[in-house]
Amino acid sequence: MFYNKIISMYFAYCNSLVDIGCGRGDFLFVARNKAKIVIGCDIDVKPLIVLHLYGFDVVQCDASYLPFKDDSFDGAFFPTL
């Protein structure tokens, strides 16, 4: 799968990841098996509700104004920006 390769290449040693613009969570579903902490962010609340039902930590926010302190995550995935 595409995301397995991305994670192996760029996020192999990350314990915490944030997916900015996560949408339906395709990356999150793969990353949850690789990192201890995985958080999804998106401006659209509808997919976040579904992801939350699947047990993901999610945050509704604009990618221009992320509500996290600097260095909160070991890696950030944001392919749509």
PDB file of N, CA and C in Angstrom:
ATOM      1  N   MET A   1       0.825  -1.174   0.000  1.00  0.00           N
ATOM      2  CA  MET A   1       0.000   0.000   0.000  1.00  0.00           C
ATOM      3  C   MET A   1       0.882   1.255   0.000  1.00  0.00           C
ATOM      4  N   PHE A   2       0.404   2.288  -0.608  1.00  0.00           N
ATOM      5  CA  PHE A   2       1.132   3.539  -0.764  1.00  0.00           C
ATOM      6  C   PHE A   2       1.553   4.143   0.572  1.00  0.00           C
ATOM      7  N   TYR A   3       0.636   4.195   1.528  1.00  0.00           N
ATOM      8  CA  TYR A   3       0.949   4.845   2.805  1.00  0.00           C
ATOM      9  C   TYR A   3       1.951   4.053   3.635  1.00  0.00           C
ATOM     10  N   ASN A   4       1.958   2.740   3.503  1.00  0.00           N
ATOM     11  CA  ASN A   4       2.985   1.944   4.187  1.00  0.00           C
ATOM     12  C   ASN A   4       4.375   2.357   3.743  1.00  0.00           C
ATOM     13  N   LYS A   5       4.531   2.573   2.454  1.00  0.00           N
ATOM     14  CA  LYS A   5       5.827   2.973   1.914  1.00  0.00           C
ATOM     15  C   LYS A   5       6.213   4.367   2.416  1.00  0.00           C
ATOM     16  N   ILE A   6       5.276   5.285   2.416  1.00  0.00           N
ATOM     17  CA  ILE A   6       5.533   6.646   2.911  1.00  0.00           C
ATOM     18  C   ILE A   6       5.955   6.611   4.375  1.00  0.00           C
ATOM     19  N   ILE A   7       5.228   5.847   5.169  1.00  0.00           N
ATOM     20  CA  ILE A   7       5.558   5.755   6.594  1.00  0.00           C
ATOM     21  C   ILE A   7       6.929   5.129   6.789  1.00  0.00           C
ATOM     22  N   SER A   8       7.234   4.077   6.064  1.00  0.00           N
ATOM     23  CA  SER A   8       8.543   3.427   6.179  1.00  0.00           C
ATOM     24  C   SER A   8       9.682   4.353   5.775  1.00  0.00           C
ATOM     25  N   MET A   9       9.443   5.168   4.758  1.00  0.00           N
ATOM     26  CA  MET A   9      10.497   6.050   4.256  1.00  0.00           C
ATOM     27  C   MET A   9      10.706   7.290   5.134  1.00  0.00           C
ATOM     28  N   TYR A  10       9.632   7.875   5.635  1.00  0.00           N
ATOM     29  CA  TYR A  10       9.739   9.181   6.290  1.00  0.00           C
ATOM     30  C   TYR A  10       9.370   9.205   7.769  1.00  0.00           C
ATOM     31  N   PHE A  11       8.606   8.239   8.222  1.00  0.00           N
ATOM     32  CA  PHE A  11       8.098   8.296   9.593  1.00  0.00           C
ATOM     33  C   PHE A  11       8.413   7.042  10.408  1.00  0.00           C
ATOM     34  N   ALA A  12       9.368   6.264   9.991  1.00  0.00           N
ATOM     35  CA  ALA A  12       9.653   4.979  10.629  1.00  0.00           C
ATOM     36  C   ALA A  12       9.992   5.105  12.113  1.00  0.00           C
ATOM     37  N   TYR A  13      10.624   6.179  12.507  1.00  0.00           N
ATOM     38  CA  TYR A  13      11.057   6.335  13.896  1.00  0.00           C
ATOM     39  C   TYR A  13      10.202   7.318  14.683  1.00  0.00           C
ATOM     40  N   CYS A  14       9.045   7.632  14.165  1.00  0.00           N
ATOM     41  CA  CYS A  14       8.147   8.571  14.841  1.00  0.00           C
ATOM     42  C   CYS A  14       7.222   7.837  15.814  1.00  0.00           C
ATOM     43  N   ASN A  15       7.126   8.369  17.003  1.00  0.00           N
ATOM     44  CA  ASN A  15       6.178   7.838  17.980  1.00  0.00           C
ATOM     45  C   ASN A  15       4.852   8.585  17.941  1.00  0.00           C
ATOM     46  N   SER A  16       4.881   9.798  17.391  1.00  0.00           N
ATOM     47  CA  SER A  16       3.654  10.600  17.316  1.00  0.00           C
ATOM     48  C   SER A  16       3.574  11.270  15.948  1.00  0.00           C
ATOM     49  N   LEU A  17       2.390  11.182  15.358  1.00  0.00           N
ATOM     50  CA  LEU A  17       2.160  11.743  14.023  1.00  0.00           C
ATOM     51  C   LEU A  17       0.868  12.547  14.004  1.00  0.00           C
ATOM     52  N   VAL A  18       0.890  13.623  13.227  1.00  0.00           N
ATOM     53  CA  VAL A  18      -0.326  14.374  12.972  1.00  0.00           C
ATOM     54  C   VAL A  18      -0.568  14.366  11.472  1.00  0.00           C
ATOM     55  N   ASP A  19      -1.803  14.112  11.084  1.00  0.00           N
ATOM     56  CA  ASP A  19      -2.209  14.125   9.679  1.00  0.00           C
ATOM     57  C   ASP A  19      -3.036  15.390   9.471  1.00  0.00           C
ATOM     58  N   ILE A  20      -2.459  16.356   8.785  1.00  0.00           N
ATOM     59  CA  ILE A  20      -3.096  17.650   8.563  1.00  0.00           C
ATOM     60  C   ILE A  20      -3.880  17.593   7.259  1.00  0.00           C
ATOM     61  N   GLY A  21      -5.176  17.808   7.357  1.00  0.00           N
ATOM     62  CA  GLY A  21      -6.053  17.632   6.201  1.00  0.00           C
ATOM     63  C   GLY A  21      -6.359  16.163   6.011  1.00  0.00           C
ATOM     64  N   CYS A  22      -6.702  15.490   7.092  1.00  0.00           N
ATOM     65  CA  CYS A  22      -6.825  14.025   7.084  1.00  0.00           C
ATOM     66  C   CYS A  22      -8.003  13.491   6.276  1.00  0.00           C
ATOM     67  N   GLY A  23      -9.024  14.313   6.048  1.00  0.00           N
ATOM     68  CA  GLY A  23     -10.169  13.830   5.271  1.00  0.00           C
ATOM     69  C   GLY A  23     -10.755  12.563   5.861  1.00  0.00           C
ATOM     70  N   ARG A  24     -10.903  11.534   5.045  1.00  0.00           N
ATOM     71  CA  ARG A  24     -11.490  10.258   5.487  1.00  0.00           C
ATOM     72  C   ARG A  24     -10.547   9.428   6.351  1.00  0.00           C
ATOM     73  N   GLY A  25      -9.297   9.832   6.458  1.00  0.00           N
ATOM     74  CA  GLY A  25      -8.376   9.141   7.352  1.00  0.00           C
ATOM     75  C   GLY A  25      -7.596   7.997   6.747  1.00  0.00           C
ATOM     76  N   ASP A  26      -7.437   7.980   5.433  1.00  0.00           N
ATOM     77  CA  ASP A  26      -6.709   6.876   4.797  1.00  0.00           C
ATOM     78  C   ASP A  26      -5.313   6.692   5.403  1.00  0.00           C
ATOM     79  N   PHE A  27      -4.597   7.791   5.587  1.00  0.00           N
ATOM     80  CA  PHE A  27      -3.256   7.729   6.186  1.00  0.00           C
ATOM     81  C   PHE A  27      -3.345   7.298   7.655  1.00  0.00           C
ATOM     82  N   LEU A  28      -4.342   7.793   8.373  1.00  0.00           N
ATOM     83  CA  LEU A  28      -4.480   7.474   9.795  1.00  0.00           C
ATOM     84  C   LEU A  28      -4.658   5.982  10.040  1.00  0.00           C
ATOM     85  N   PHE A  29      -5.444   5.324   9.203  1.00  0.00           N
ATOM     86  CA  PHE A  29      -5.697   3.893   9.384  1.00  0.00           C
ATOM     87  C   PHE A  29      -4.412   3.081   9.258  1.00  0.00           C
ATOM     88  N   VAL A  30      -3.513   3.499   8.407  1.00  0.00           N
ATOM     89  CA  VAL A  30      -2.227   2.801   8.267  1.00  0.00           C
ATOM     90  C   VAL A  30      -1.277   3.216   9.383  1.00  0.00           C
ATOM     91  N   ALA A  31      -1.237   4.509   9.684  1.00  0.00           N
ATOM     92  CA  ALA A  31      -0.297   5.036  10.674  1.00  0.00           C
ATOM     93  C   ALA A  31      -0.592   4.547  12.090  1.00  0.00           C
ATOM     94  N   ARG A  32      -1.833   4.234  12.379  1.00  0.00           N
ATOM     95  CA  ARG A  32      -2.175   3.826  13.752  1.00  0.00           C
ATOM     96  C   ARG A  32      -1.450   2.547  14.150  1.00  0.00           C
ATOM     97  N   ASN A  33      -1.033   1.740  13.192  1.00  0.00           N
ATOM     98  CA  ASN A  33      -0.280   0.520  13.489  1.00  0.00           C
ATOM     99  C   ASN A  33       1.216   0.758  13.589  1.00  0.00           C
ATOM    100  N   LYS A  34       1.658   1.981  13.274  1.00  0.00           N
ATOM    101  CA  LYS A  34       3.088   2.279  13.241  1.00  0.00           C
ATOM    102  C   LYS A  34       3.529   3.242  14.338  1.00  0.00           C
ATOM    103  N   ALA A  35       2.649   4.099  14.793  1.00  0.00           N
ATOM    104  CA  ALA A  35       3.003   5.120  15.781  1.00  0.00           C
ATOM    105  C   ALA A  35       2.110   4.991  17.010  1.00  0.00           C
ATOM    106  N   LYS A  36       2.623   5.427  18.158  1.00  0.00           N
ATOM    107  CA  LYS A  36       1.853   5.337  19.397  1.00  0.00           C
ATOM    108  C   LYS A  36       0.738   6.376  19.441  1.00  0.00           C
ATOM    109  N   ILE A  37       1.017   7.557  18.941  1.00  0.00           N
ATOM    110  CA  ILE A  37       0.042   8.645  18.942  1.00  0.00           C
ATOM    111  C   ILE A  37      -0.199   9.081  17.505  1.00  0.00           C
ATOM    112  N   VAL A  38      -1.456   9.076  17.088  1.00  0.00           N
ATOM    113  CA  VAL A  38      -1.831   9.491  15.739  1.00  0.00           C
ATOM    114  C   VAL A  38      -3.054  10.401  15.863  1.00  0.00           C
ATOM    115  N   ILE A  39      -2.924  11.619  15.375  1.00  0.00           N
ATOM    116  CA  ILE A  39      -4.026  12.581  15.459  1.00  0.00           C
ATOM    117  C   ILE A  39      -4.341  13.108  14.068  1.00  0.00           C
ATOM    118  N   GLY A  40      -5.620  13.190  13.765  1.00  0.00           N
ATOM    119  CA  GLY A  40      -6.066  13.726  12.488  1.00  0.00           C
ATOM    120  C   GLY A  40      -6.655  15.117  12.648  1.00  0.00           C
ATOM    121  N   CYS A  41      -6.363  15.991  11.706  1.00  0.00           N
ATOM    122  CA  CYS A  41      -6.888  17.361  11.703  1.00  0.00           C
ATOM    123  C   CYS A  41      -7.546  17.634  10.354  1.00  0.00           C
ATOM    124  N   ASP A  42      -8.684  18.285  10.397  1.00  0.00           N
ATOM    125  CA  ASP A  42      -9.355  18.681   9.164  1.00  0.00           C
ATOM    126  C   ASP A  42     -10.321  19.811   9.493  1.00  0.00           C
ATOM    127  N   ILE A  43     -10.616  20.612   8.507  1.00  0.00           N
ATOM    128  CA  ILE A  43     -11.580  21.694   8.707  1.00  0.00           C
ATOM    129  C   ILE A  43     -13.015  21.201   8.605  1.00  0.00           C
ATOM    130  N   ASP A  44     -13.219  20.092   7.913  1.00  0.00           N
ATOM    131  CA  ASP A  44     -14.549  19.523   7.717  1.00  0.00           C
ATOM    132  C   ASP A  44     -14.868  18.566   8.867  1.00  0.00           C
ATOM    133  N   VAL A  45     -15.909  18.856   9.607  1.00  0.00           N
ATOM    134  CA  VAL A  45     -16.237  18.068  10.793  1.00  0.00           C
ATOM    135  C   VAL A  45     -16.830  16.694  10.462  1.00  0.00           C
ATOM    136  N   LYS A  46     -17.471  16.542   9.315  1.00  0.00           N
ATOM    137  CA  LYS A  46     -18.157  15.278   9.001  1.00  0.00           C
ATOM    138  C   LYS A  46     -17.224  14.064   9.020  1.00  0.00           C
ATOM    139  N   PRO A  47     -16.097  14.095   8.304  1.00  0.00           N
ATOM    140  CA  PRO A  47     -15.226  12.910   8.381  1.00  0.00           C
ATOM    141  C   PRO A  47     -14.589  12.743   9.759  1.00  0.00           C
ATOM    142  N   LEU A  48     -14.422  13.831  10.488  1.00  0.00           N
ATOM    143  CA  LEU A  48     -13.838  13.727  11.823  1.00  0.00           C
ATOM    144  C   LEU A  48     -14.770  12.973  12.779  1.00  0.00           C
ATOM    145  N   ILE A  49     -16.056  13.164  12.621  1.00  0.00           N
ATOM    146  CA  ILE A  49     -17.026  12.439  13.452  1.00  0.00           C
ATOM    147  C   ILE A  49     -16.894  10.939  13.216  1.00  0.00           C
ATOM    148  N   VAL A  50     -16.793  10.541  11.965  1.00  0.00           N
ATOM    149  CA  VAL A  50     -16.645   9.119  11.625  1.00  0.00           C
ATOM    150  C   VAL A  50     -15.324   8.581  12.170  1.00  0.00           C
ATOM    151  N   LEU A  51     -14.245   9.328  11.989  1.00  0.00           N
ATOM    152  CA  LEU A  51     -12.937   8.877  12.490  1.00  0.00           C
ATOM    153  C   LEU A  51     -12.950   8.742  14.007  1.00  0.00           C
ATOM    154  N   HIS A  52     -13.620   9.662  14.668  1.00  0.00           N
ATOM    155  CA  HIS A  52     -13.730   9.575  16.128  1.00  0.00           C
ATOM    156  C   HIS A  52     -14.463   8.286  16.535  1.00  0.00           C
ATOM    157  N   LEU A  53     -15.477   7.911  15.783  1.00  0.00           N
ATOM    158  CA  LEU A  53     -16.196   6.662  16.061  1.00  0.00           C
ATOM    159  C   LEU A  53     -15.296   5.440  15.888  1.00  0.00           C
ATOM    160  N   TYR A  54     -14.277   5.554  15.038  1.00  0.00           N
ATOM    161  CA  TYR A  54     -13.296   4.480  14.849  1.00  0.00           C
ATOM    162  C   TYR A  54     -12.179   4.535  15.894  1.00  0.00           C
ATOM    163  N   GLY A  55     -12.278   5.473  16.824  1.00  0.00           N
ATOM    164  CA  GLY A  55     -11.311   5.532  17.916  1.00  0.00           C
ATOM    165  C   GLY A  55     -10.144   6.473  17.720  1.00  0.00           C
ATOM    166  N   PHE A  56     -10.162   7.271  16.675  1.00  0.00           N
ATOM    167  CA  PHE A  56      -9.071   8.212  16.438  1.00  0.00           C
ATOM    168  C   PHE A  56      -9.264   9.494  17.243  1.00  0.00           C
ATOM    169  N   ASP A  57      -8.157  10.087  17.641  1.00  0.00           N
ATOM    170  CA  ASP A  57      -8.174  11.435  18.192  1.00  0.00           C
ATOM    171  C   ASP A  57      -8.158  12.383  17.007  1.00  0.00           C
ATOM    172  N   VAL A  58      -9.114  13.286  16.965  1.00  0.00           N
ATOM    173  CA  VAL A  58      -9.242  14.208  15.845  1.00  0.00           C
ATOM    174  C   VAL A  58      -9.480  15.626  16.351  1.00  0.00           C
ATOM    175  N   VAL A  59      -9.084  16.601  15.531  1.00  0.00           N
ATOM    176  CA  VAL A  59      -9.249  18.003  15.870  1.00  0.00           C
ATOM    177  C   VAL A  59      -9.773  18.736  14.649  1.00  0.00           C
ATOM    178  N   GLN A  60     -10.847  19.494  14.830  1.00  0.00           N
ATOM    179  CA  GLN A  60     -11.336  20.331  13.729  1.00  0.00           C
ATOM    180  C   GLN A  60     -10.592  21.656  13.796  1.00  0.00           C
ATOM    181  N   CYS A  61      -9.872  21.968  12.720  1.00  0.00           N
ATOM    182  CA  CYS A  61      -9.114  23.213  12.682  1.00  0.00           C
ATOM    183  C   CYS A  61      -8.715  23.532  11.243  1.00  0.00           C
ATOM    184  N   ASP A  62      -8.334  24.763  11.050  1.00  0.00           N
ATOM    185  CA  ASP A  62      -7.797  25.231   9.773  1.00  0.00           C
ATOM    186  C   ASP A  62      -6.300  24.913   9.768  1.00  0.00           C
ATOM    187  N   ALA A  63      -5.792  24.394   8.687  1.00  0.00           N
ATOM    188  CA  ALA A  63      -4.374  24.030   8.603  1.00  0.00           C
ATOM    189  C   ALA A  63      -3.450  25.230   8.778  1.00  0.00           C
ATOM    190  N   SER A  64      -3.974  26.418   8.566  1.00  0.00           N
ATOM    191  CA  SER A  64      -3.166  27.631   8.753  1.00  0.00           C
ATOM    192  C   SER A  64      -2.991  27.993  10.221  1.00  0.00           C
ATOM    193  N   TYR A  65      -3.845  27.445  11.064  1.00  0.00           N
ATOM    194  CA  TYR A  65      -3.824  27.772  12.495  1.00  0.00           C
ATOM    195  C   TYR A  65      -3.988  26.506  13.324  1.00  0.00           C
ATOM    196  N   LEU A  66      -2.942  25.709  13.377  1.00  0.00           N
ATOM    197  CA  LEU A  66      -3.003  24.452  14.118  1.00  0.00           C
ATOM    198  C   LEU A  66      -2.944  24.713  15.621  1.00  0.00           C
ATOM    199  N   PRO A  67      -3.784  24.054  16.404  1.00  0.00           N
ATOM    200  CA  PRO A  67      -3.862  24.320  17.841  1.00  0.00           C
ATOM    201  C   PRO A  67      -2.876  23.499  18.683  1.00  0.00           C
ATOM    202  N   PHE A  68      -1.686  23.292  18.171  1.00  0.00           N
ATOM    203  CA  PHE A  68      -0.686  22.497  18.885  1.00  0.00           C
ATOM    204  C   PHE A  68       0.552  23.346  19.157  1.00  0.00           C
ATOM    205  N   LYS A  69       1.216  23.048  20.246  1.00  0.00           N
ATOM    206  CA  LYS A  69       2.482  23.704  20.553  1.00  0.00           C
ATOM    207  C   LYS A  69       3.555  23.197  19.593  1.00  0.00           C
ATOM    208  N   ASP A  70       4.576  23.994  19.378  1.00  0.00           N
ATOM    209  CA  ASP A  70       5.706  23.563  18.552  1.00  0.00           C
ATOM    210  C   ASP A  70       6.291  22.274  19.130  1.00  0.00           C
ATOM    211  N   ASP A  71       6.744  21.416  18.246  1.00  0.00           N
ATOM    212  CA  ASP A  71       7.385  20.152  18.619  1.00  0.00           C
ATOM    213  C   ASP A  71       6.448  19.194  19.369  1.00  0.00           C
ATOM    214  N   SER A  72       5.155  19.286  19.111  1.00  0.00           N
ATOM    215  CA  SER A  72       4.200  18.374  19.744  1.00  0.00           C
ATOM    216  C   SER A  72       4.242  16.980  19.133  1.00  0.00           C
ATOM    217  N   PHE A  73       4.726  16.876  17.896  1.00  0.00           N
ATOM    218  CA  PHE A  73       4.730  15.602  17.176  1.00  0.00           C
ATOM    219  C   PHE A  73       6.108  15.341  16.581  1.00  0.00           C
ATOM    220  N   ASP A  74       6.404  14.063  16.422  1.00  0.00           N
ATOM    221  CA  ASP A  74       7.654  13.671  15.761  1.00  0.00           C
ATOM    222  C   ASP A  74       7.567  13.822  14.254  1.00  0.00           C
ATOM    223  N   GLY A  75       6.353  13.722  13.715  1.00  0.00           N
ATOM    224  CA  GLY A  75       6.170  13.815  12.268  1.00  0.00           C
ATOM    225  C   GLY A  75       4.825  14.418  11.921  1.00  0.00           C
ATOM    226  N   ALA A  76       4.787  15.058  10.752  1.00  0.00           N
ATOM    227  CA  ALA A  76       3.540  15.656  10.263  1.00  0.00           C
ATOM    228  C   ALA A  76       3.361  15.260   8.796  1.00  0.00           C
ATOM    229  N   PHE A  77       2.177  14.782   8.476  1.00  0.00           N
ATOM    230  CA  PHE A  77       1.838  14.393   7.106  1.00  0.00           C
ATOM    231  C   PHE A  77       0.786  15.363   6.593  1.00  0.00           C
ATOM    232  N   PHE A  78       1.100  16.068   5.515  1.00  0.00           N
ATOM    233  CA  PHE A  78       0.141  17.014   4.934  1.00  0.00           C
ATOM    234  C   PHE A  78       0.341  17.098   3.424  1.00  0.00           C
ATOM    235  N   PRO A  79      -0.099  16.068   2.725  1.00  0.00           N
ATOM    236  CA  PRO A  79       0.157  16.000   1.288  1.00  0.00           C
ATOM    237  C   PRO A  79      -0.683  16.958   0.441  1.00  0.00           C
ATOM    238  N   THR A  80      -1.780  17.457   0.975  1.00  0.00           N
ATOM    239  CA  THR A  80      -2.666  18.292   0.172  1.00  0.00           C
ATOM    240  C   THR A  80      -2.345  19.773   0.263  1.00  0.00           C
ATOM    241  N   LEU A  81      -1.376  20.138   1.051  1.00  0.00           N
ATOM    242  CA  LEU A  81      -1.051  21.558   1.228  1.00  0.00           C
ATOM    243  C   LEU A  81       0.062  21.982   0.313  1.00  0.00           C
TER     244      LEU A  81
END
